[in-house]
Amino acid sequence: MAGTLEKACRTLIARAEYAKCEKKIRKAMEEDPHSAVPHNLMGILLEQQCQHTLAMKHFRAAAALDPTYIPARYNMEQFGTQPFGVRCAFCEDDCPAENDPQFAEKFDENHQRHLVHL
């Protein structure tokens, strides 16, 4: 299930309120520099602004921070193959993880879904 930041960014991006969204994401990065979530969201924001190269850097940063974070890997795959007109993953609920045979789902104590490499 999406967290507050993901929901807020989804709404702000849909409204094209990019500056406000960027401010929220940067604040989240400052508050938790080791979280993959804000980097994934920054990647989505940058894709919406046609800054594909920078977006991919943030998706890669998110994946490096948490290799089991499904949305970052999903977005890298989607935007890496066809950067226009693809569906982005704001949170894990947006990802079709069951289609990836090299990973299995695992839920942590906070009921967050993660992938475990088989």
C-alpha atoms as a PDB file:
ATOM      1  CA  MET A   1       0.000   0.000   0.000  1.00  0.00           C
ATOM      2  CA  ALA A   2       1.289   3.444  -0.910  1.00  0.00           C
ATOM      3  CA  GLY A   3       2.596   5.730   1.780  1.00  0.00           C
ATOM      4  CA  THR A   4       1.744   9.370   2.298  1.00  0.00           C
ATOM      5  CA  LEU A   5       4.640  10.672   0.202  1.00  0.00           C
ATOM      6  CA  GLU A   6       3.795   8.436  -2.739  1.00  0.00           C
ATOM      7  CA  LYS A   7       0.126   9.491  -2.646  1.00  0.00           C
ATOM      8  CA  ALA A   8       1.027  13.173  -2.410  1.00  0.00           C
ATOM      9  CA  CYS A   9       3.465  12.944  -5.325  1.00  0.00           C
ATOM     10  CA  ARG A  10       0.989  11.016  -7.467  1.00  0.00           C
ATOM     11  CA  THR A  11      -1.548  13.816  -6.935  1.00  0.00           C
ATOM     12  CA  LEU A  12       0.923  16.664  -7.463  1.00  0.00           C
ATOM     13  CA  ILE A  13       2.335  15.148 -10.646  1.00  0.00           C
ATOM     14  CA  ALA A  14      -1.161  14.545 -12.008  1.00  0.00           C
ATOM     15  CA  ARG A  15      -1.881  18.232 -11.403  1.00  0.00           C
ATOM     16  CA  ALA A  16       1.473  19.242 -12.961  1.00  0.00           C
ATOM     17  CA  GLU A  17       2.508  20.892  -9.681  1.00  0.00           C
ATOM     18  CA  TYR A  18       6.116  19.889 -10.261  1.00  0.00           C
ATOM     19  CA  ALA A  19       7.845  22.483  -8.076  1.00  0.00           C
ATOM     20  CA  LYS A  20       5.701  21.588  -5.075  1.00  0.00           C
ATOM     21  CA  CYS A  21       6.308  17.890  -5.672  1.00  0.00           C
ATOM     22  CA  GLU A  22      10.065  18.384  -5.975  1.00  0.00           C
ATOM     23  CA  LYS A  23      10.104  20.283  -2.682  1.00  0.00           C
ATOM     24  CA  LYS A  24       8.331  17.397  -0.901  1.00  0.00           C
ATOM     25  CA  ILE A  25      10.693  14.831  -2.398  1.00  0.00           C
ATOM     26  CA  ARG A  26      13.824  16.807  -1.503  1.00  0.00           C
ATOM     27  CA  LYS A  27      12.597  17.175   2.075  1.00  0.00           C
ATOM     28  CA  ALA A  28      12.049  13.410   2.256  1.00  0.00           C
ATOM     29  CA  MET A  29      15.577  12.826   0.921  1.00  0.00           C
ATOM     30  CA  GLU A  30      16.996  15.073   3.637  1.00  0.00           C
ATOM     31  CA  GLU A  31      14.971  13.388   6.384  1.00  0.00           C
ATOM     32  CA  ASP A  32      15.850   9.845   5.304  1.00  0.00           C
ATOM     33  CA  PRO A  33      18.870   9.837   2.970  1.00  0.00           C
ATOM     34  CA  HIS A  34      18.978   6.026   2.874  1.00  0.00           C
ATOM     35  CA  SER A  35      15.424   5.558   1.620  1.00  0.00           C
ATOM     36  CA  ALA A  36      14.820   4.370  -1.928  1.00  0.00           C
ATOM     37  CA  VAL A  37      11.305   5.862  -2.054  1.00  0.00           C
ATOM     38  CA  PRO A  38      12.150   9.549  -2.632  1.00  0.00           C
ATOM     39  CA  HIS A  39      14.688   8.687  -5.342  1.00  0.00           C
ATOM     40  CA  ASN A  40      12.103   6.604  -7.163  1.00  0.00           C
ATOM     41  CA  LEU A  41       9.601   9.457  -6.932  1.00  0.00           C
ATOM     42  CA  MET A  42      12.196  11.964  -8.140  1.00  0.00           C
ATOM     43  CA  GLY A  43      12.794   9.712 -11.137  1.00  0.00           C
ATOM     44  CA  ILE A  44       9.079   9.742 -11.949  1.00  0.00           C
ATOM     45  CA  LEU A  45       8.943  13.517 -11.560  1.00  0.00           C
ATOM     46  CA  LEU A  46      11.935  13.987 -13.847  1.00  0.00           C
ATOM     47  CA  GLU A  47      10.431  11.664 -16.475  1.00  0.00           C
ATOM     48  CA  GLN A  48       7.309  13.827 -16.459  1.00  0.00           C
ATOM     49  CA  GLN A  49       9.556  16.811 -17.145  1.00  0.00           C
ATOM     50  CA  CYS A  50      11.281  15.012 -20.052  1.00  0.00           C
ATOM     51  CA  GLN A  51      14.585  14.705 -18.188  1.00  0.00           C
ATOM     52  CA  HIS A  52      15.118  11.044 -18.956  1.00  0.00           C
ATOM     53  CA  THR A  53      18.844  10.786 -18.145  1.00  0.00           C
ATOM     54  CA  LEU A  54      18.440  12.367 -14.705  1.00  0.00           C
ATOM     55  CA  ALA A  55      15.368  10.259 -14.026  1.00  0.00           C
ATOM     56  CA  MET A  56      17.270   7.067 -14.757  1.00  0.00           C
ATOM     57  CA  LYS A  57      20.021   8.152 -12.326  1.00  0.00           C
ATOM     58  CA  HIS A  58      17.436   8.467  -9.555  1.00  0.00           C
ATOM     59  CA  PHE A  59      15.876   5.096 -10.378  1.00  0.00           C
ATOM     60  CA  ARG A  60      19.355   3.543 -10.211  1.00  0.00           C
ATOM     61  CA  ALA A  61      20.064   5.327  -6.911  1.00  0.00           C
ATOM     62  CA  ALA A  62      16.818   3.968  -5.476  1.00  0.00           C
ATOM     63  CA  ALA A  63      17.699   0.452  -6.598  1.00  0.00           C
ATOM     64  CA  ALA A  64      21.195   0.789  -5.125  1.00  0.00           C
ATOM     65  CA  LEU A  65      19.803   1.939  -1.786  1.00  0.00           C
ATOM     66  CA  ASP A  66      17.378  -0.987  -1.636  1.00  0.00           C
ATOM     67  CA  PRO A  67      17.859  -3.705  -4.269  1.00  0.00           C
ATOM     68  CA  THR A  68      14.582  -5.333  -3.171  1.00  0.00           C
ATOM     69  CA  TYR A  69      12.528  -2.174  -3.744  1.00  0.00           C
ATOM     70  CA  ILE A  70      10.261  -3.250  -6.579  1.00  0.00           C
ATOM     71  CA  PRO A  71       9.125   0.152  -7.982  1.00  0.00           C
ATOM     72  CA  ALA A  72      12.667   1.344  -8.729  1.00  0.00           C
ATOM     73  CA  ARG A  73      13.545  -1.786 -10.670  1.00  0.00           C
ATOM     74  CA  TYR A  74      10.184  -1.729 -12.435  1.00  0.00           C
ATOM     75  CA  ASN A  75      10.628   1.921 -13.462  1.00  0.00           C
ATOM     76  CA  MET A  76      14.186   1.303 -14.678  1.00  0.00           C
ATOM     77  CA  GLU A  77      12.937  -1.517 -16.865  1.00  0.00           C
ATOM     78  CA  GLN A  78       9.931   0.393 -18.189  1.00  0.00           C
ATOM     79  CA  PHE A  79      11.612   3.733 -18.868  1.00  0.00           C
ATOM     80  CA  GLY A  80      14.858   2.114 -19.976  1.00  0.00           C
ATOM     81  CA  THR A  81      13.181   0.304 -22.852  1.00  0.00           C
ATOM     82  CA  GLN A  82      10.590   2.863 -23.924  1.00  0.00           C
ATOM     83  CA  PRO A  83      10.698   6.187 -22.074  1.00  0.00           C
ATOM     84  CA  PHE A  84       7.444   7.549 -23.489  1.00  0.00           C
ATOM     85  CA  GLY A  85       3.918   6.487 -22.687  1.00  0.00           C
ATOM     86  CA  VAL A  86       4.743   3.891 -20.039  1.00  0.00           C
ATOM     87  CA  ARG A  87       3.006   3.387 -16.733  1.00  0.00           C
ATOM     88  CA  CYS A  88       5.191   4.363 -13.798  1.00  0.00           C
ATOM     89  CA  ALA A  89       5.284   2.757 -10.362  1.00  0.00           C
ATOM     90  CA  PHE A  90       4.822   5.203  -7.502  1.00  0.00           C
ATOM     91  CA  CYS A  91       4.644   2.318  -5.040  1.00  0.00           C
ATOM     92  CA  GLU A  92       4.826  -1.467  -4.945  1.00  0.00           C
ATOM     93  CA  ASP A  93       1.089  -1.801  -5.607  1.00  0.00           C
ATOM     94  CA  ASP A  94       1.745  -0.439  -9.119  1.00  0.00           C
ATOM     95  CA  CYS A  95       4.170  -3.271  -9.982  1.00  0.00           C
ATOM     96  CA  PRO A  96       3.321  -6.655 -11.463  1.00  0.00           C
ATOM     97  CA  ALA A  97       5.896  -8.580  -9.380  1.00  0.00           C
ATOM     98  CA  GLU A  98       4.309 -11.949 -10.048  1.00  0.00           C
ATOM     99  CA  ASN A  99       5.657 -11.814 -13.607  1.00  0.00           C
ATOM    100  CA  ASP A 100       9.311 -11.899 -12.531  1.00  0.00           C
ATOM    101  CA  PRO A 101      10.457 -15.511 -11.968  1.00  0.00           C
ATOM    102  CA  GLN A 102      13.829 -14.588 -10.459  1.00  0.00           C
ATOM    103  CA  PHE A 103      12.255 -13.022  -7.359  1.00  0.00           C
ATOM    104  CA  ALA A 104       9.791 -14.106  -4.685  1.00  0.00           C
ATOM    105  CA  GLU A 105       7.630 -11.805  -2.562  1.00  0.00           C
ATOM    106  CA  LYS A 106       8.384 -11.359   1.126  1.00  0.00           C
ATOM    107  CA  PHE A 107       6.531  -9.146   3.594  1.00  0.00           C
ATOM    108  CA  ASP A 108       8.373  -7.472   6.455  1.00  0.00           C
ATOM    109  CA  GLU A 109       7.093  -6.672   9.952  1.00  0.00           C
ATOM    110  CA  ASN A 110       5.492  -3.459   8.613  1.00  0.00           C
ATOM    111  CA  HIS A 111       3.598  -5.424   5.955  1.00  0.00           C
ATOM    112  CA  GLN A 112       5.722  -3.868   3.202  1.00  0.00           C
ATOM    113  CA  ARG A 113       6.267  -6.088   0.195  1.00  0.00           C
ATOM    114  CA  HIS A 114       9.856  -6.748  -0.893  1.00  0.00           C
ATOM    115  CA  LEU A 115      11.417  -9.073  -3.419  1.00  0.00           C
ATOM    116  CA  VAL A 116      13.914 -11.741  -2.474  1.00  0.00           C
ATOM    117  CA  HIS A 117      16.264 -13.007  -5.170  1.00  0.00           C
ATOM    118  CA  LEU A 118      15.876 -16.765  -5.633  1.00  0.00           C
END
